[in-house]
Amino acid sequence: MDRIDSISIETDSSPALTGNVLPLLHELRHALENFAGNGTEHSIDLNSLPLAPQESQQLDRLLGSGEVRAQLDALGTSDIIETAIPGVWRVTHYNGDHVVVGQFLEITDCPAILKSQPQDLPSGISQLEQLIDDFG
């Protein structure tokens, strides 16, 4: 028994790779072709896909970083990052404890979360009117 106890056994505790990076890249290409051709936006919920942590990191490396980065603070933080691929954005939402609650790849010219909401525009007009009144 002493001989068996002295044998070192190594196990791989890393999660198995899913093989989903290449299909995801194909989905991005098709979605970007549709967006470029007819303006159809597309969103991929990364939390709904089985990706091993190293695959998620590989996807980040492959897509790279573009020139635009925005951060929102509303019921938690949201990071909106343009990838190096024009029209492909990575959007990550965090809760108040900075735990990831949503991860998306969005194919669009500008993620909707960055756009002014139409219902907020009347308030903006009122604020500008007040500024003009106070100034004059």
N, C-alpha and C. Protein backbone atom coordinates (compact mmCIF):
# COMPACT_ATOMS: atom_id res chain seq x y z
N MET A 1 0.81 -1.20 0.00
CA MET A 1 0.00 0.00 0.00
C MET A 1 0.85 1.26 0.00
N ASP A 2 2.00 1.23 0.65
CA ASP A 2 2.83 2.42 0.68
C ASP A 2 3.24 2.84 -0.72
N ARG A 3 3.47 1.86 -1.57
CA ARG A 3 3.87 2.17 -2.94
C ARG A 3 2.74 2.88 -3.69
N ILE A 4 1.50 2.46 -3.51
CA ILE A 4 0.36 3.09 -4.17
C ILE A 4 0.15 4.50 -3.64
N ASP A 5 0.30 4.70 -2.36
CA ASP A 5 0.12 6.03 -1.77
C ASP A 5 1.15 7.03 -2.26
N SER A 6 2.29 6.54 -2.71
CA SER A 6 3.34 7.45 -3.14
C SER A 6 3.21 7.86 -4.60
N ILE A 7 2.26 7.26 -5.32
CA ILE A 7 2.07 7.60 -6.73
C ILE A 7 1.28 8.90 -6.82
N SER A 8 1.83 9.84 -7.54
CA SER A 8 1.19 11.15 -7.72
C SER A 8 0.21 11.08 -8.87
N ILE A 9 -1.01 11.52 -8.60
CA ILE A 9 -2.04 11.57 -9.64
C ILE A 9 -2.48 13.01 -9.81
N GLU A 10 -2.40 13.50 -11.03
CA GLU A 10 -2.84 14.85 -11.33
C GLU A 10 -4.14 14.80 -12.09
N THR A 11 -5.07 15.64 -11.70
CA THR A 11 -6.35 15.71 -12.41
C THR A 11 -6.51 17.11 -12.97
N ASP A 12 -7.17 17.19 -14.06
CA ASP A 12 -7.45 18.48 -14.68
C ASP A 12 -8.77 18.99 -14.12
N SER A 13 -8.69 20.03 -13.29
CA SER A 13 -9.91 20.55 -12.67
C SER A 13 -10.54 21.67 -13.50
N SER A 14 -9.93 22.00 -14.64
CA SER A 14 -10.51 23.06 -15.46
C SER A 14 -11.74 22.52 -16.19
N PRO A 15 -12.73 23.38 -16.41
CA PRO A 15 -13.94 22.93 -17.09
C PRO A 15 -13.63 22.51 -18.53
N ALA A 16 -14.38 21.55 -19.01
CA ALA A 16 -14.20 21.08 -20.37
C ALA A 16 -14.55 22.17 -21.37
N LEU A 17 -13.83 22.21 -22.46
CA LEU A 17 -14.12 23.17 -23.51
C LEU A 17 -15.40 22.74 -24.22
N THR A 18 -16.18 23.73 -24.63
CA THR A 18 -17.48 23.44 -25.24
C THR A 18 -17.41 23.42 -26.76
N GLY A 19 -16.39 24.05 -27.33
CA GLY A 19 -16.31 24.12 -28.78
C GLY A 19 -17.26 25.15 -29.38
N ASN A 20 -17.72 26.09 -28.57
CA ASN A 20 -18.71 27.06 -29.05
C ASN A 20 -18.12 28.36 -29.58
N VAL A 21 -16.81 28.55 -29.51
CA VAL A 21 -16.24 29.81 -29.98
C VAL A 21 -16.40 29.96 -31.49
N LEU A 22 -16.04 28.93 -32.25
CA LEU A 22 -16.14 29.02 -33.71
C LEU A 22 -17.59 29.21 -34.17
N PRO A 23 -18.56 28.43 -33.66
CA PRO A 23 -19.95 28.69 -34.05
C PRO A 23 -20.41 30.10 -33.68
N LEU A 24 -19.94 30.61 -32.57
CA LEU A 24 -20.29 31.96 -32.16
C LEU A 24 -19.72 32.99 -33.13
N LEU A 25 -18.50 32.78 -33.58
CA LEU A 25 -17.90 33.68 -34.57
C LEU A 25 -18.69 33.64 -35.88
N HIS A 26 -19.16 32.45 -36.27
CA HIS A 26 -20.00 32.34 -37.47
C HIS A 26 -21.31 33.10 -37.29
N GLU A 27 -21.92 32.98 -36.11
CA GLU A 27 -23.17 33.70 -35.84
C GLU A 27 -22.94 35.21 -35.91
N LEU A 28 -21.82 35.67 -35.36
CA LEU A 28 -21.49 37.09 -35.43
C LEU A 28 -21.34 37.55 -36.88
N ARG A 29 -20.64 36.75 -37.69
CA ARG A 29 -20.45 37.12 -39.10
C ARG A 29 -21.78 37.22 -39.83
N HIS A 30 -22.65 36.24 -39.64
CA HIS A 30 -23.96 36.28 -40.30
C HIS A 30 -24.78 37.47 -39.81
N ALA A 31 -24.75 37.73 -38.52
CA ALA A 31 -25.50 38.86 -37.98
C ALA A 31 -24.96 40.18 -38.51
N LEU A 32 -23.63 40.30 -38.61
CA LEU A 32 -23.03 41.53 -39.12
C LEU A 32 -23.34 41.71 -40.61
N GLU A 33 -23.37 40.61 -41.36
CA GLU A 33 -23.77 40.70 -42.77
C GLU A 33 -25.21 41.20 -42.88
N ASN A 34 -26.11 40.67 -42.05
CA ASN A 34 -27.50 41.13 -42.07
C ASN A 34 -27.61 42.59 -41.68
N PHE A 35 -26.86 42.99 -40.66
CA PHE A 35 -26.92 44.39 -40.23
C PHE A 35 -26.39 45.31 -41.33
N ALA A 36 -25.28 44.92 -41.94
CA ALA A 36 -24.71 45.74 -43.02
C ALA A 36 -25.63 45.78 -44.23
N GLY A 37 -26.33 44.68 -44.49
CA GLY A 37 -27.18 44.60 -45.68
C GLY A 37 -28.54 45.22 -45.52
N ASN A 38 -29.17 45.03 -44.36
CA ASN A 38 -30.54 45.54 -44.23
C ASN A 38 -30.84 46.21 -42.89
N GLY A 39 -29.79 46.44 -42.09
CA GLY A 39 -29.99 47.18 -40.85
C GLY A 39 -30.58 46.38 -39.70
N THR A 40 -30.67 45.06 -39.85
CA THR A 40 -31.23 44.23 -38.79
C THR A 40 -30.22 44.07 -37.66
N GLU A 41 -30.57 44.59 -36.48
CA GLU A 41 -29.71 44.46 -35.32
C GLU A 41 -29.88 43.07 -34.70
N HIS A 42 -28.88 42.64 -33.94
CA HIS A 42 -28.90 41.29 -33.36
C HIS A 42 -28.21 41.34 -32.00
N SER A 43 -28.67 40.51 -31.09
CA SER A 43 -28.06 40.42 -29.77
C SER A 43 -27.87 38.96 -29.41
N ILE A 44 -26.72 38.66 -28.83
CA ILE A 44 -26.40 37.30 -28.39
C ILE A 44 -26.21 37.34 -26.88
N ASP A 45 -27.02 36.56 -26.17
CA ASP A 45 -26.94 36.48 -24.72
C ASP A 45 -25.86 35.47 -24.36
N LEU A 46 -24.68 35.96 -23.98
CA LEU A 46 -23.57 35.07 -23.67
C LEU A 46 -23.83 34.23 -22.42
N ASN A 47 -24.65 34.75 -21.50
CA ASN A 47 -24.96 33.97 -20.30
C ASN A 47 -25.79 32.73 -20.60
N SER A 48 -26.45 32.73 -21.75
CA SER A 48 -27.28 31.57 -22.11
C SER A 48 -26.48 30.51 -22.85
N LEU A 49 -25.22 30.81 -23.16
CA LEU A 49 -24.38 29.86 -23.90
C LEU A 49 -23.40 29.16 -22.97
N PRO A 50 -23.20 27.87 -23.20
CA PRO A 50 -22.16 27.21 -22.42
C PRO A 50 -20.78 27.56 -22.98
N LEU A 51 -20.06 28.38 -22.25
CA LEU A 51 -18.68 28.72 -22.61
C LEU A 51 -17.81 28.50 -21.39
N ALA A 52 -16.72 27.77 -21.56
CA ALA A 52 -15.76 27.63 -20.47
C ALA A 52 -15.07 28.98 -20.27
N PRO A 53 -14.60 29.26 -19.05
CA PRO A 53 -13.93 30.55 -18.81
C PRO A 53 -12.82 30.85 -19.81
N GLN A 54 -12.02 29.85 -20.16
CA GLN A 54 -10.94 30.11 -21.11
C GLN A 54 -11.48 30.40 -22.51
N GLU A 55 -12.66 29.89 -22.84
CA GLU A 55 -13.28 30.21 -24.13
C GLU A 55 -13.79 31.64 -24.14
N SER A 56 -14.34 32.08 -23.03
CA SER A 56 -14.79 33.47 -22.92
C SER A 56 -13.60 34.42 -23.06
N GLN A 57 -12.50 34.06 -22.44
CA GLN A 57 -11.28 34.87 -22.56
C GLN A 57 -10.75 34.85 -23.99
N GLN A 58 -10.81 33.68 -24.62
CA GLN A 58 -10.37 33.58 -26.01
C GLN A 58 -11.23 34.45 -26.91
N LEU A 59 -12.54 34.44 -26.69
CA LEU A 59 -13.45 35.27 -27.48
C LEU A 59 -13.11 36.75 -27.30
N ASP A 60 -12.84 37.16 -26.07
CA ASP A 60 -12.45 38.55 -25.81
C ASP A 60 -11.18 38.90 -26.58
N ARG A 61 -10.20 38.01 -26.56
CA ARG A 61 -8.94 38.27 -27.28
C ARG A 61 -9.17 38.35 -28.78
N LEU A 62 -9.99 37.44 -29.31
CA LEU A 62 -10.24 37.42 -30.75
C LEU A 62 -10.97 38.68 -31.21
N LEU A 63 -11.96 39.11 -30.44
CA LEU A 63 -12.75 40.29 -30.84
C LEU A 63 -12.00 41.59 -30.57
N GLY A 64 -11.10 41.59 -29.60
CA GLY A 64 -10.30 42.77 -29.32
C GLY A 64 -11.12 43.93 -28.79
N SER A 65 -10.48 45.08 -28.71
CA SER A 65 -11.12 46.30 -28.22
C SER A 65 -11.06 47.38 -29.28
N GLY A 66 -12.15 48.11 -29.40
CA GLY A 66 -12.22 49.22 -30.34
C GLY A 66 -11.91 50.53 -29.66
N GLU A 67 -12.45 51.60 -30.19
CA GLU A 67 -12.12 52.94 -29.72
C GLU A 67 -13.10 53.49 -28.69
N VAL A 68 -14.26 52.84 -28.51
CA VAL A 68 -15.31 53.41 -27.67
C VAL A 68 -15.55 52.53 -26.46
N ARG A 69 -15.63 53.17 -25.30
CA ARG A 69 -15.95 52.49 -24.05
C ARG A 69 -16.83 53.43 -23.25
N ALA A 70 -17.94 52.90 -22.74
CA ALA A 70 -18.85 53.71 -21.92
C ALA A 70 -19.23 52.91 -20.69
N GLN A 71 -19.52 53.64 -19.62
CA GLN A 71 -19.97 52.99 -18.40
C GLN A 71 -21.21 53.72 -17.89
N LEU A 72 -22.24 52.95 -17.57
CA LEU A 72 -23.48 53.51 -17.04
C LEU A 72 -23.64 53.09 -15.59
N ASP A 73 -24.27 53.95 -14.81
CA ASP A 73 -24.59 53.63 -13.42
C ASP A 73 -26.09 53.78 -13.23
N ALA A 74 -26.80 52.67 -13.24
CA ALA A 74 -28.25 52.65 -13.03
C ALA A 74 -28.62 51.26 -12.52
N LEU A 75 -28.96 51.17 -11.25
CA LEU A 75 -29.27 49.87 -10.62
C LEU A 75 -28.09 48.91 -10.77
N GLY A 76 -26.90 49.43 -10.68
CA GLY A 76 -25.68 48.66 -10.93
C GLY A 76 -24.96 49.30 -12.10
N THR A 77 -23.82 48.77 -12.42
CA THR A 77 -22.99 49.32 -13.48
C THR A 77 -23.17 48.50 -14.75
N SER A 78 -23.07 49.17 -15.88
CA SER A 78 -23.05 48.50 -17.18
C SER A 78 -21.84 49.01 -17.94
N ASP A 79 -21.06 48.09 -18.49
CA ASP A 79 -19.92 48.43 -19.34
C ASP A 79 -20.30 48.15 -20.78
N ILE A 80 -20.12 49.13 -21.64
CA ILE A 80 -20.41 48.99 -23.06
C ILE A 80 -19.09 49.22 -23.79
N ILE A 81 -18.61 48.19 -24.45
CA ILE A 81 -17.29 48.26 -25.07
C ILE A 81 -17.39 47.87 -26.53
N GLU A 82 -16.91 48.75 -27.39
CA GLU A 82 -16.82 48.44 -28.80
C GLU A 82 -15.70 47.42 -28.99
N THR A 83 -15.95 46.38 -29.76
CA THR A 83 -14.87 45.44 -30.08
C THR A 83 -14.07 46.02 -31.25
N ALA A 84 -13.01 45.33 -31.61
CA ALA A 84 -12.21 45.75 -32.77
C ALA A 84 -12.95 45.48 -34.07
N ILE A 85 -14.07 44.77 -33.99
CA ILE A 85 -14.89 44.48 -35.16
C ILE A 85 -15.97 45.56 -35.24
N PRO A 86 -15.95 46.44 -36.26
CA PRO A 86 -16.96 47.48 -36.36
C PRO A 86 -18.36 46.88 -36.36
N GLY A 87 -19.23 47.44 -35.51
CA GLY A 87 -20.61 46.98 -35.42
C GLY A 87 -20.84 45.90 -34.38
N VAL A 88 -19.79 45.43 -33.73
CA VAL A 88 -19.92 44.39 -32.69
C VAL A 88 -19.52 44.99 -31.35
N TRP A 89 -20.45 44.96 -30.40
CA TRP A 89 -20.26 45.57 -29.08
C TRP A 89 -20.39 44.51 -28.00
N ARG A 90 -19.61 44.64 -26.95
CA ARG A 90 -19.76 43.77 -25.78
C ARG A 90 -20.41 44.60 -24.68
N VAL A 91 -21.54 44.12 -24.16
CA VAL A 91 -22.30 44.83 -23.12
C VAL A 91 -22.38 43.91 -21.90
N THR A 92 -21.89 44.40 -20.77
CA THR A 92 -21.90 43.62 -19.53
C THR A 92 -22.61 44.42 -18.45
N HIS A 93 -23.60 43.78 -17.81
CA HIS A 93 -24.36 44.41 -16.73
C HIS A 93 -23.98 43.77 -15.40
N TYR A 94 -23.83 44.61 -14.38
CA TYR A 94 -23.50 44.16 -13.03
C TYR A 94 -24.60 44.60 -12.08
N ASN A 95 -24.80 43.83 -11.00
CA ASN A 95 -25.74 44.28 -9.98
C ASN A 95 -25.01 45.21 -9.01
N GLY A 96 -25.69 45.62 -7.94
CA GLY A 96 -25.10 46.54 -6.97
C GLY A 96 -23.87 46.01 -6.28
N ASP A 97 -23.70 44.68 -6.25
CA ASP A 97 -22.53 44.05 -5.63
C ASP A 97 -21.43 43.77 -6.65
N HIS A 98 -21.57 44.30 -7.85
CA HIS A 98 -20.65 44.15 -8.97
C HIS A 98 -20.49 42.69 -9.41
N VAL A 99 -21.60 41.95 -9.34
CA VAL A 99 -21.65 40.58 -9.85
C VAL A 99 -22.29 40.64 -11.24
N VAL A 100 -21.70 39.96 -12.20
CA VAL A 100 -22.23 39.97 -13.56
C VAL A 100 -23.62 39.35 -13.58
N VAL A 101 -24.59 40.12 -14.13
CA VAL A 101 -25.96 39.61 -14.25
C VAL A 101 -26.39 39.48 -15.71
N GLY A 102 -25.59 39.99 -16.62
CA GLY A 102 -25.90 39.88 -18.04
C GLY A 102 -24.68 40.19 -18.89
N GLN A 103 -24.47 39.39 -19.92
CA GLN A 103 -23.38 39.61 -20.87
C GLN A 103 -23.92 39.40 -22.27
N PHE A 104 -23.72 40.38 -23.12
CA PHE A 104 -24.28 40.32 -24.47
C PHE A 104 -23.25 40.76 -25.50
N LEU A 105 -23.36 40.20 -26.67
CA LEU A 105 -22.70 40.76 -27.85
C LEU A 105 -23.82 41.36 -28.68
N GLU A 106 -23.70 42.64 -28.99
CA GLU A 106 -24.73 43.32 -29.77
C GLU A 106 -24.15 43.74 -31.11
N ILE A 107 -24.90 43.45 -32.15
CA ILE A 107 -24.52 43.85 -33.49
C ILE A 107 -25.42 45.02 -33.87
N THR A 108 -24.83 46.19 -33.88
CA THR A 108 -25.57 47.44 -34.07
C THR A 108 -24.58 48.56 -34.30
N ASP A 109 -25.07 49.73 -34.70
CA ASP A 109 -24.18 50.88 -34.80
C ASP A 109 -23.97 51.52 -33.44
N CYS A 110 -24.96 51.43 -32.56
CA CYS A 110 -24.87 51.98 -31.22
C CYS A 110 -25.82 51.19 -30.31
N PRO A 111 -25.32 50.58 -29.24
CA PRO A 111 -26.21 49.83 -28.35
C PRO A 111 -27.36 50.69 -27.82
N ALA A 112 -28.54 50.11 -27.77
CA ALA A 112 -29.74 50.84 -27.37
C ALA A 112 -29.61 51.46 -25.98
N ILE A 113 -28.86 50.82 -25.10
CA ILE A 113 -28.73 51.34 -23.74
C ILE A 113 -28.04 52.70 -23.72
N LEU A 114 -27.30 53.04 -24.77
CA LEU A 114 -26.63 54.34 -24.85
C LEU A 114 -27.49 55.44 -25.45
N LYS A 115 -28.58 55.05 -26.09
CA LYS A 115 -29.42 56.03 -26.77
C LYS A 115 -30.38 56.70 -25.78
N SER A 116 -30.66 57.96 -26.01
CA SER A 116 -31.66 58.65 -25.20
C SER A 116 -33.01 57.99 -25.39
N GLN A 117 -33.71 57.83 -24.30
CA GLN A 117 -35.04 57.22 -24.36
C GLN A 117 -36.06 58.29 -24.74
N PRO A 118 -36.93 58.01 -25.69
CA PRO A 118 -37.92 59.01 -26.14
C PRO A 118 -38.76 59.57 -25.00
N GLN A 119 -39.10 58.75 -24.01
CA GLN A 119 -39.92 59.22 -22.90
C GLN A 119 -39.16 60.21 -22.00
N ASP A 120 -37.84 60.26 -22.11
CA ASP A 120 -37.04 61.19 -21.30
C ASP A 120 -36.86 62.55 -21.98
N LEU A 121 -37.15 62.64 -23.26
CA LEU A 121 -36.90 63.88 -24.00
C LEU A 121 -37.72 65.07 -23.50
N PRO A 122 -39.00 64.92 -23.16
CA PRO A 122 -39.74 66.08 -22.63
C PRO A 122 -39.10 66.65 -21.36
N SER A 123 -38.55 65.79 -20.52
CA SER A 123 -37.86 66.26 -19.32
C SER A 123 -36.62 67.07 -19.70
N GLY A 124 -35.92 66.62 -20.72
CA GLY A 124 -34.75 67.35 -21.20
C GLY A 124 -35.12 68.73 -21.72
N ILE A 125 -36.24 68.81 -22.43
CA ILE A 125 -36.71 70.11 -22.93
C ILE A 125 -37.03 71.03 -21.75
N SER A 126 -37.70 70.50 -20.75
CA SER A 126 -38.04 71.30 -19.57
C SER A 126 -36.79 71.79 -18.86
N GLN A 127 -35.79 70.93 -18.75
CA GLN A 127 -34.54 71.33 -18.10
C GLN A 127 -33.86 72.46 -18.88
N LEU A 128 -33.84 72.35 -20.20
CA LEU A 128 -33.23 73.41 -21.01
C LEU A 128 -34.02 74.72 -20.90
N GLU A 129 -35.34 74.61 -20.89
CA GLU A 129 -36.16 75.81 -20.72
C GLU A 129 -35.86 76.49 -19.40
N GLN A 130 -35.69 75.70 -18.33
CA GLN A 130 -35.37 76.26 -17.02
C GLN A 130 -33.98 76.92 -17.04
N LEU A 131 -33.02 76.28 -17.70
CA LEU A 131 -31.69 76.88 -17.82
C LEU A 131 -31.74 78.21 -18.56
N ILE A 132 -32.55 78.25 -19.63
CA ILE A 132 -32.68 79.49 -20.41
C ILE A 132 -33.34 80.58 -19.56
N ASP A 133 -34.38 80.20 -18.83
CA ASP A 133 -35.06 81.18 -17.96
C ASP A 133 -34.13 81.71 -16.88
N ASP A 134 -33.35 80.81 -16.27
CA ASP A 134 -32.44 81.21 -15.21
C ASP A 134 -31.29 82.07 -15.74
N PHE A 135 -30.88 81.80 -16.97
CA PHE A 135 -29.75 82.52 -17.57
C PHE A 135 -30.16 83.95 -17.94
N GLY A 136 -31.40 84.06 -18.46
CA GLY A 136 -31.83 85.35 -18.97
C GLY A 136 -32.52 86.12 -17.94
